[in-house]
All heavy atoms as atom14 arrays in JSON, in Angstrom:
{
  "sequence": "ARLLRIRGQAMQSATPLGTGAMAALLDLDFATAA",
  "atom14_mask": [
    [1, 1, 1, 1, 1, 0, 0, 0, 0, 0, 0, 0, 0, 0],
    [1, 1, 1, 1, 1, 1, 1, 1, 1, 1, 1, 0, 0, 0],
    [1, 1, 1, 1, 1, 1, 1, 1, 0, 0, 0, 0, 0, 0],
    [1, 1, 1, 1, 1, 1, 1, 1, 0, 0, 0, 0, 0, 0],
    [1, 1, 1, 1, 1, 1, 1, 1, 1, 1, 1, 0, 0, 0],
    [1, 1, 1, 1, 1, 1, 1, 1, 0, 0, 0, 0, 0, 0],
    [1, 1, 1, 1, 1, 1, 1, 1, 1, 1, 1, 0, 0, 0],
    [1, 1, 1, 1, 0, 0, 0, 0, 0, 0, 0, 0, 0, 0],
    [1, 1, 1, 1, 1, 1, 1, 1, 1, 0, 0, 0, 0, 0],
    [1, 1, 1, 1, 1, 0, 0, 0, 0, 0, 0, 0, 0, 0],
    [1, 1, 1, 1, 1, 1, 1, 1, 0, 0, 0, 0, 0, 0],
    [1, 1, 1, 1, 1, 1, 1, 1, 1, 0, 0, 0, 0, 0],
    [1, 1, 1, 1, 1, 1, 0, 0, 0, 0, 0, 0, 0, 0],
    [1, 1, 1, 1, 1, 0, 0, 0, 0, 0, 0, 0, 0, 0],
    [1, 1, 1, 1, 1, 1, 1, 0, 0, 0, 0, 0, 0, 0],
    [1, 1, 1, 1, 1, 1, 1, 0, 0, 0, 0, 0, 0, 0],
    [1, 1, 1, 1, 1, 1, 1, 1, 0, 0, 0, 0, 0, 0],
    [1, 1, 1, 1, 0, 0, 0, 0, 0, 0, 0, 0, 0, 0],
    [1, 1, 1, 1, 1, 1, 1, 0, 0, 0, 0, 0, 0, 0],
    [1, 1, 1, 1, 0, 0, 0, 0, 0, 0, 0, 0, 0, 0],
    [1, 1, 1, 1, 1, 0, 0, 0, 0, 0, 0, 0, 0, 0],
    [1, 1, 1, 1, 1, 1, 1, 1, 0, 0, 0, 0, 0, 0],
    [1, 1, 1, 1, 1, 0, 0, 0, 0, 0, 0, 0, 0, 0],
    [1, 1, 1, 1, 1, 0, 0, 0, 0, 0, 0, 0, 0, 0],
    [1, 1, 1, 1, 1, 1, 1, 1, 0, 0, 0, 0, 0, 0],
    [1, 1, 1, 1, 1, 1, 1, 1, 0, 0, 0, 0, 0, 0],
    [1, 1, 1, 1, 1, 1, 1, 1, 0, 0, 0, 0, 0, 0],
    [1, 1, 1, 1, 1, 1, 1, 1, 0, 0, 0, 0, 0, 0],
    [1, 1, 1, 1, 1, 1, 1, 1, 0, 0, 0, 0, 0, 0],
    [1, 1, 1, 1, 1, 1, 1, 1, 1, 1, 1, 0, 0, 0],
    [1, 1, 1, 1, 1, 0, 0, 0, 0, 0, 0, 0, 0, 0],
    [1, 1, 1, 1, 1, 1, 1, 0, 0, 0, 0, 0, 0, 0],
    [1, 1, 1, 1, 1, 0, 0, 0, 0, 0, 0, 0, 0, 0],
    [1, 1, 1, 1, 1, 0, 0, 0, 0, 0, 0, 0, 0, 0]
  ],
  "atom14_positions": [
    [[13.87, -50.37, -5.89], [14.49, -49.15, -5.34], [15.83, -49.46, -4.69], [16.84, -48.77, -4.91], [13.55, -48.49, -4.34], [0.0, 0.0, 0.0], [0.0, 0.0, 0.0], [0.0, 0.0, 0.0], [0.0, 0.0, 0.0], [0.0, 0.0, 0.0], [0.0, 0.0, 0.0], [0.0, 0.0, 0.0], [0.0, 0.0, 0.0], [0.0, 0.0, 0.0]],
    [[15.85, -50.53, -3.88], [17.11, -50.88, -3.2], [18.18, -51.34, -4.18], [19.36, -50.99, -4.05], [16.84, -51.96, -2.14], [16.1, -51.42, -0.91], [16.0, -52.45, 0.18], [15.04, -53.49, -0.12], [13.8, -53.53, 0.37], [13.36, -52.56, 1.18], [12.99, -54.52, 0.07], [0.0, 0.0, 0.0], [0.0, 0.0, 0.0], [0.0, 0.0, 0.0]],
    [[17.79, -52.12, -5.19], [18.76, -52.55, -6.2], [19.36, -51.35, -6.94], [20.57, -51.32, -7.21], [18.09, -53.5, -7.2], [17.84, -54.92, -6.72], [16.93, -55.65, -7.7], [19.15, -55.69, -6.55], [0.0, 0.0, 0.0], [0.0, 0.0, 0.0], [0.0, 0.0, 0.0], [0.0, 0.0, 0.0], [0.0, 0.0, 0.0], [0.0, 0.0, 0.0]],
    [[18.53, -50.38, -7.27], [19.04, -49.22, -8.01], [19.89, -48.32, -7.13], [20.84, -47.69, -7.64], [17.88, -48.45, -8.64], [17.28, -49.14, -9.86], [16.02, -48.44, -10.32], [18.29, -49.22, -11.01], [0.0, 0.0, 0.0], [0.0, 0.0, 0.0], [0.0, 0.0, 0.0], [0.0, 0.0, 0.0], [0.0, 0.0, 0.0], [0.0, 0.0, 0.0]],
    [[19.61, -48.25, -5.85], [20.5, -47.52, -4.94], [21.87, -48.21, -4.9], [22.92, -47.55, -5.02], [19.86, -47.45, -3.56], [20.77, -46.96, -2.41], [21.39, -45.6, -2.63], [20.47, -44.56, -3.03], [19.69, -43.85, -2.19], [19.7, -44.12, -0.9], [18.91, -42.9, -2.66], [0.0, 0.0, 0.0], [0.0, 0.0, 0.0], [0.0, 0.0, 0.0]],
    [[21.88, -49.53, -4.78], [23.13, -50.28, -4.79], [23.85, -50.09, -6.12], [25.07, -49.85, -6.16], [22.86, -51.78, -4.53], [22.36, -51.98, -3.09], [24.12, -52.61, -4.77], [21.76, -53.36, -2.85], [0.0, 0.0, 0.0], [0.0, 0.0, 0.0], [0.0, 0.0, 0.0], [0.0, 0.0, 0.0], [0.0, 0.0, 0.0], [0.0, 0.0, 0.0]],
    [[23.1, -50.19, -7.21], [23.69, -50.06, -8.55], [24.31, -48.68, -8.73], [25.44, -48.55, -9.24], [22.61, -50.32, -9.6], [23.08, -50.32, -11.06], [21.88, -50.65, -11.95], [22.21, -50.76, -13.37], [22.17, -49.77, -14.24], [21.82, -48.55, -13.84], [22.47, -49.98, -15.52], [0.0, 0.0, 0.0], [0.0, 0.0, 0.0], [0.0, 0.0, 0.0]],
    [[23.58, -47.65, -8.34], [24.09, -46.29, -8.5], [25.37, -46.07, -7.71], [26.34, -45.49, -8.21], [0.0, 0.0, 0.0], [0.0, 0.0, 0.0], [0.0, 0.0, 0.0], [0.0, 0.0, 0.0], [0.0, 0.0, 0.0], [0.0, 0.0, 0.0], [0.0, 0.0, 0.0], [0.0, 0.0, 0.0], [0.0, 0.0, 0.0], [0.0, 0.0, 0.0]],
    [[25.38, -46.54, -6.46], [26.58, -46.38, -5.64], [27.75, -47.17, -6.21], [28.88, -46.7, -6.25], [26.27, -46.83, -4.21], [25.32, -45.89, -3.47], [24.89, -46.44, -2.11], [24.9, -47.65, -1.87], [24.5, -45.54, -1.22], [0.0, 0.0, 0.0], [0.0, 0.0, 0.0], [0.0, 0.0, 0.0], [0.0, 0.0, 0.0], [0.0, 0.0, 0.0]],
    [[27.46, -48.4, -6.67], [28.54, -49.26, -7.18], [29.12, -48.7, -8.48], [30.34, -48.74, -8.69], [28.0, -50.67, -7.42], [0.0, 0.0, 0.0], [0.0, 0.0, 0.0], [0.0, 0.0, 0.0], [0.0, 0.0, 0.0], [0.0, 0.0, 0.0], [0.0, 0.0, 0.0], [0.0, 0.0, 0.0], [0.0, 0.0, 0.0], [0.0, 0.0, 0.0]],
    [[28.27, -48.18, -9.35], [28.76, -47.63, -10.61], [29.58, -46.36, -10.37], [30.59, -46.12, -11.03], [27.59, -47.35, -11.56], [26.91, -48.63, -12.05], [25.42, -48.36, -13.03], [26.12, -48.05, -14.65], [0.0, 0.0, 0.0], [0.0, 0.0, 0.0], [0.0, 0.0, 0.0], [0.0, 0.0, 0.0], [0.0, 0.0, 0.0], [0.0, 0.0, 0.0]],
    [[29.15, -45.55, -9.39], [29.87, -44.32, -9.09], [31.25, -44.61, -8.51], [32.23, -43.92, -8.81], [29.06, -43.47, -8.12], [29.67, -42.1, -7.86], [29.79, -41.27, -9.13], [28.81, -40.91, -9.74], [31.02, -41.0, -9.54], [0.0, 0.0, 0.0], [0.0, 0.0, 0.0], [0.0, 0.0, 0.0], [0.0, 0.0, 0.0], [0.0, 0.0, 0.0]],
    [[31.34, -45.64, -7.68], [32.59, -45.91, -6.97], [33.5, -46.88, -7.71], [34.6, -47.2, -7.24], [32.29, -46.45, -5.58], [31.58, -47.67, -5.65], [0.0, 0.0, 0.0], [0.0, 0.0, 0.0], [0.0, 0.0, 0.0], [0.0, 0.0, 0.0], [0.0, 0.0, 0.0], [0.0, 0.0, 0.0], [0.0, 0.0, 0.0], [0.0, 0.0, 0.0]],
    [[33.1, -47.35, -8.89], [33.89, -48.34, -9.63], [35.22, -47.78, -10.13], [36.19, -48.52, -10.28], [33.09, -48.9, -10.79], [0.0, 0.0, 0.0], [0.0, 0.0, 0.0], [0.0, 0.0, 0.0], [0.0, 0.0, 0.0], [0.0, 0.0, 0.0], [0.0, 0.0, 0.0], [0.0, 0.0, 0.0], [0.0, 0.0, 0.0], [0.0, 0.0, 0.0]],
    [[35.26, -46.48, -10.4], [36.48, -45.85, -10.89], [36.74, -44.57, -10.11], [35.8, -43.9, -9.68], [36.36, -45.48, -12.39], [35.23, -44.61, -12.56], [36.19, -46.7, -13.26], [0.0, 0.0, 0.0], [0.0, 0.0, 0.0], [0.0, 0.0, 0.0], [0.0, 0.0, 0.0], [0.0, 0.0, 0.0], [0.0, 0.0, 0.0], [0.0, 0.0, 0.0]],
    [[38.01, -44.18, -9.94], [38.31, -42.9, -9.3], [37.71, -41.74, -10.1], [37.75, -41.75, -11.34], [39.84, -42.84, -9.29], [40.28, -44.27, -9.42], [39.24, -44.93, -10.27], [0.0, 0.0, 0.0], [0.0, 0.0, 0.0], [0.0, 0.0, 0.0], [0.0, 0.0, 0.0], [0.0, 0.0, 0.0], [0.0, 0.0, 0.0], [0.0, 0.0, 0.0]],
    [[37.17, -40.77, -9.41], [36.52, -39.64, -10.07], [37.48, -38.96, -11.03], [38.63, -38.69, -10.7], [36.05, -38.64, -9.0], [35.02, -37.59, -9.46], [33.73, -38.26, -9.89], [34.75, -36.59, -8.34], [0.0, 0.0, 0.0], [0.0, 0.0, 0.0], [0.0, 0.0, 0.0], [0.0, 0.0, 0.0], [0.0, 0.0, 0.0], [0.0, 0.0, 0.0]],
    [[37.01, -38.71, -12.24], [37.79, -37.98, -13.23], [38.67, -38.83, -14.12], [39.23, -38.32, -15.11], [0.0, 0.0, 0.0], [0.0, 0.0, 0.0], [0.0, 0.0, 0.0], [0.0, 0.0, 0.0], [0.0, 0.0, 0.0], [0.0, 0.0, 0.0], [0.0, 0.0, 0.0], [0.0, 0.0, 0.0], [0.0, 0.0, 0.0], [0.0, 0.0, 0.0]],
    [[38.79, -40.13, -13.8], [39.67, -40.98, -14.61], [38.98, -41.55, -15.84], [39.65, -42.0, -16.78], [40.22, -42.15, -13.78], [39.13, -42.93, -13.3], [41.03, -41.64, -12.61], [0.0, 0.0, 0.0], [0.0, 0.0, 0.0], [0.0, 0.0, 0.0], [0.0, 0.0, 0.0], [0.0, 0.0, 0.0], [0.0, 0.0, 0.0], [0.0, 0.0, 0.0]],
    [[37.65, -41.55, -15.84], [36.89, -42.05, -16.97], [36.13, -40.94, -17.66], [36.06, -39.81, -17.17], [0.0, 0.0, 0.0], [0.0, 0.0, 0.0], [0.0, 0.0, 0.0], [0.0, 0.0, 0.0], [0.0, 0.0, 0.0], [0.0, 0.0, 0.0], [0.0, 0.0, 0.0], [0.0, 0.0, 0.0], [0.0, 0.0, 0.0], [0.0, 0.0, 0.0]],
    [[35.58, -41.27, -18.82], [34.82, -40.27, -19.58], [33.89, -40.99, -20.54], [34.03, -42.19, -20.8], [35.76, -39.35, -20.35], [0.0, 0.0, 0.0], [0.0, 0.0, 0.0], [0.0, 0.0, 0.0], [0.0, 0.0, 0.0], [0.0, 0.0, 0.0], [0.0, 0.0, 0.0], [0.0, 0.0, 0.0], [0.0, 0.0, 0.0], [0.0, 0.0, 0.0]],
    [[32.94, -40.23, -21.1], [32.05, -40.71, -22.14], [31.91, -39.62, -23.19], [32.02, -38.42, -22.87], [30.67, -41.09, -21.56], [30.71, -42.18, -20.51], [29.09, -42.62, -19.82], [28.42, -43.63, -21.16], [0.0, 0.0, 0.0], [0.0, 0.0, 0.0], [0.0, 0.0, 0.0], [0.0, 0.0, 0.0], [0.0, 0.0, 0.0], [0.0, 0.0, 0.0]],
    [[31.68, -40.03, -24.43], [31.5, -39.06, -25.51], [30.43, -39.57, -26.46], [30.34, -40.77, -26.73], [32.8, -38.83, -26.27], [0.0, 0.0, 0.0], [0.0, 0.0, 0.0], [0.0, 0.0, 0.0], [0.0, 0.0, 0.0], [0.0, 0.0, 0.0], [0.0, 0.0, 0.0], [0.0, 0.0, 0.0], [0.0, 0.0, 0.0], [0.0, 0.0, 0.0]],
    [[29.61, -38.65, -26.96], [28.6, -38.98, -27.97], [29.17, -38.72, -29.35], [29.69, -37.63, -29.62], [27.35, -38.14, -27.74], [0.0, 0.0, 0.0], [0.0, 0.0, 0.0], [0.0, 0.0, 0.0], [0.0, 0.0, 0.0], [0.0, 0.0, 0.0], [0.0, 0.0, 0.0], [0.0, 0.0, 0.0], [0.0, 0.0, 0.0], [0.0, 0.0, 0.0]],
    [[29.1, -39.74, -30.19], [29.56, -39.62, -31.59], [28.31, -39.5, -32.46], [27.47, -40.4, -32.49], [30.37, -40.86, -31.98], [31.49, -41.27, -31.03], [32.23, -42.49, -31.57], [32.45, -40.12, -30.76], [0.0, 0.0, 0.0], [0.0, 0.0, 0.0], [0.0, 0.0, 0.0], [0.0, 0.0, 0.0], [0.0, 0.0, 0.0], [0.0, 0.0, 0.0]],
    [[28.2, -38.4, -33.17], [26.99, -38.1, -33.93], [27.22, -38.29, -35.42], [28.29, -37.96, -35.95], [26.52, -36.68, -33.64], [26.29, -36.37, -32.15], [25.8, -34.94, -31.97], [25.32, -37.35, -31.52], [0.0, 0.0, 0.0], [0.0, 0.0, 0.0], [0.0, 0.0, 0.0], [0.0, 0.0, 0.0], [0.0, 0.0, 0.0], [0.0, 0.0, 0.0]],
    [[26.19, -38.83, -36.07], [26.22, -39.1, -37.52], [27.3, -40.11, -37.89], [27.93, -40.01, -38.94], [26.41, -37.8, -38.32], [25.13, -36.98, -38.38], [24.12, -37.43, -37.81], [25.15, -35.89, -38.96], [0.0, 0.0, 0.0], [0.0, 0.0, 0.0], [0.0, 0.0, 0.0], [0.0, 0.0, 0.0], [0.0, 0.0, 0.0], [0.0, 0.0, 0.0]],
    [[27.48, -41.11, -37.02], [28.4, -42.21, -37.29], [27.65, -43.5, -36.98], [27.0, -43.6, -35.94], [29.64, -42.09, -36.41], [30.95, -42.66, -36.93], [31.39, -41.95, -38.22], [32.04, -42.54, -35.87], [0.0, 0.0, 0.0], [0.0, 0.0, 0.0], [0.0, 0.0, 0.0], [0.0, 0.0, 0.0], [0.0, 0.0, 0.0], [0.0, 0.0, 0.0]],
    [[27.71, -44.48, -37.89], [27.01, -45.73, -37.63], [27.73, -46.53, -36.56], [28.9, -46.27, -36.23], [26.87, -46.55, -38.92], [28.22, -47.01, -39.44], [28.75, -48.01, -38.95], [28.76, -46.33, -40.34], [0.0, 0.0, 0.0], [0.0, 0.0, 0.0], [0.0, 0.0, 0.0], [0.0, 0.0, 0.0], [0.0, 0.0, 0.0], [0.0, 0.0, 0.0]],
    [[27.04, -47.53, -36.01], [27.58, -48.25, -34.85], [28.88, -48.97, -35.18], [29.84, -48.93, -34.4], [26.55, -49.26, -34.33], [27.07, -50.04, -33.15], [27.13, -49.47, -31.9], [27.52, -51.35, -33.32], [27.64, -50.17, -30.81], [28.03, -52.06, -32.24], [28.09, -51.46, -30.98], [0.0, 0.0, 0.0], [0.0, 0.0, 0.0], [0.0, 0.0, 0.0]],
    [[28.94, -49.63, -36.32], [30.15, -50.38, -36.66], [31.37, -49.47, -36.75], [32.46, -49.8, -36.25], [29.95, -51.13, -37.98], [0.0, 0.0, 0.0], [0.0, 0.0, 0.0], [0.0, 0.0, 0.0], [0.0, 0.0, 0.0], [0.0, 0.0, 0.0], [0.0, 0.0, 0.0], [0.0, 0.0, 0.0], [0.0, 0.0, 0.0], [0.0, 0.0, 0.0]],
    [[31.19, -48.3, -37.34], [32.31, -47.35, -37.46], [32.68, -46.78, -36.1], [33.87, -46.6, -35.79], [31.95, -46.22, -38.44], [31.51, -46.78, -39.68], [33.13, -45.31, -38.7], [0.0, 0.0, 0.0], [0.0, 0.0, 0.0], [0.0, 0.0, 0.0], [0.0, 0.0, 0.0], [0.0, 0.0, 0.0], [0.0, 0.0, 0.0], [0.0, 0.0, 0.0]],
    [[31.68, -46.5, -35.27], [31.94, -45.99, -33.92], [32.69, -47.02, -33.09], [33.64, -46.68, -32.37], [30.63, -45.61, -33.24], [0.0, 0.0, 0.0], [0.0, 0.0, 0.0], [0.0, 0.0, 0.0], [0.0, 0.0, 0.0], [0.0, 0.0, 0.0], [0.0, 0.0, 0.0], [0.0, 0.0, 0.0], [0.0, 0.0, 0.0], [0.0, 0.0, 0.0]],
    [[32.27, -48.28, -33.18], [32.94, -49.33, -32.42], [34.38, -49.5, -32.9], [35.3, -49.73, -32.09], [32.17, -50.64, -32.57], [0.0, 0.0, 0.0], [0.0, 0.0, 0.0], [0.0, 0.0, 0.0], [0.0, 0.0, 0.0], [0.0, 0.0, 0.0], [0.0, 0.0, 0.0], [0.0, 0.0, 0.0], [0.0, 0.0, 0.0], [0.0, 0.0, 0.0]]
  ]
}
């Protein structure tokens, strides 16, 4: 529990809010996505 609290806080604060993003690519194999 303590490790995951630390992990969650550290991952959230690693970058300024709004500067990063994630996207799901559908129907594309891993090599092509990479």
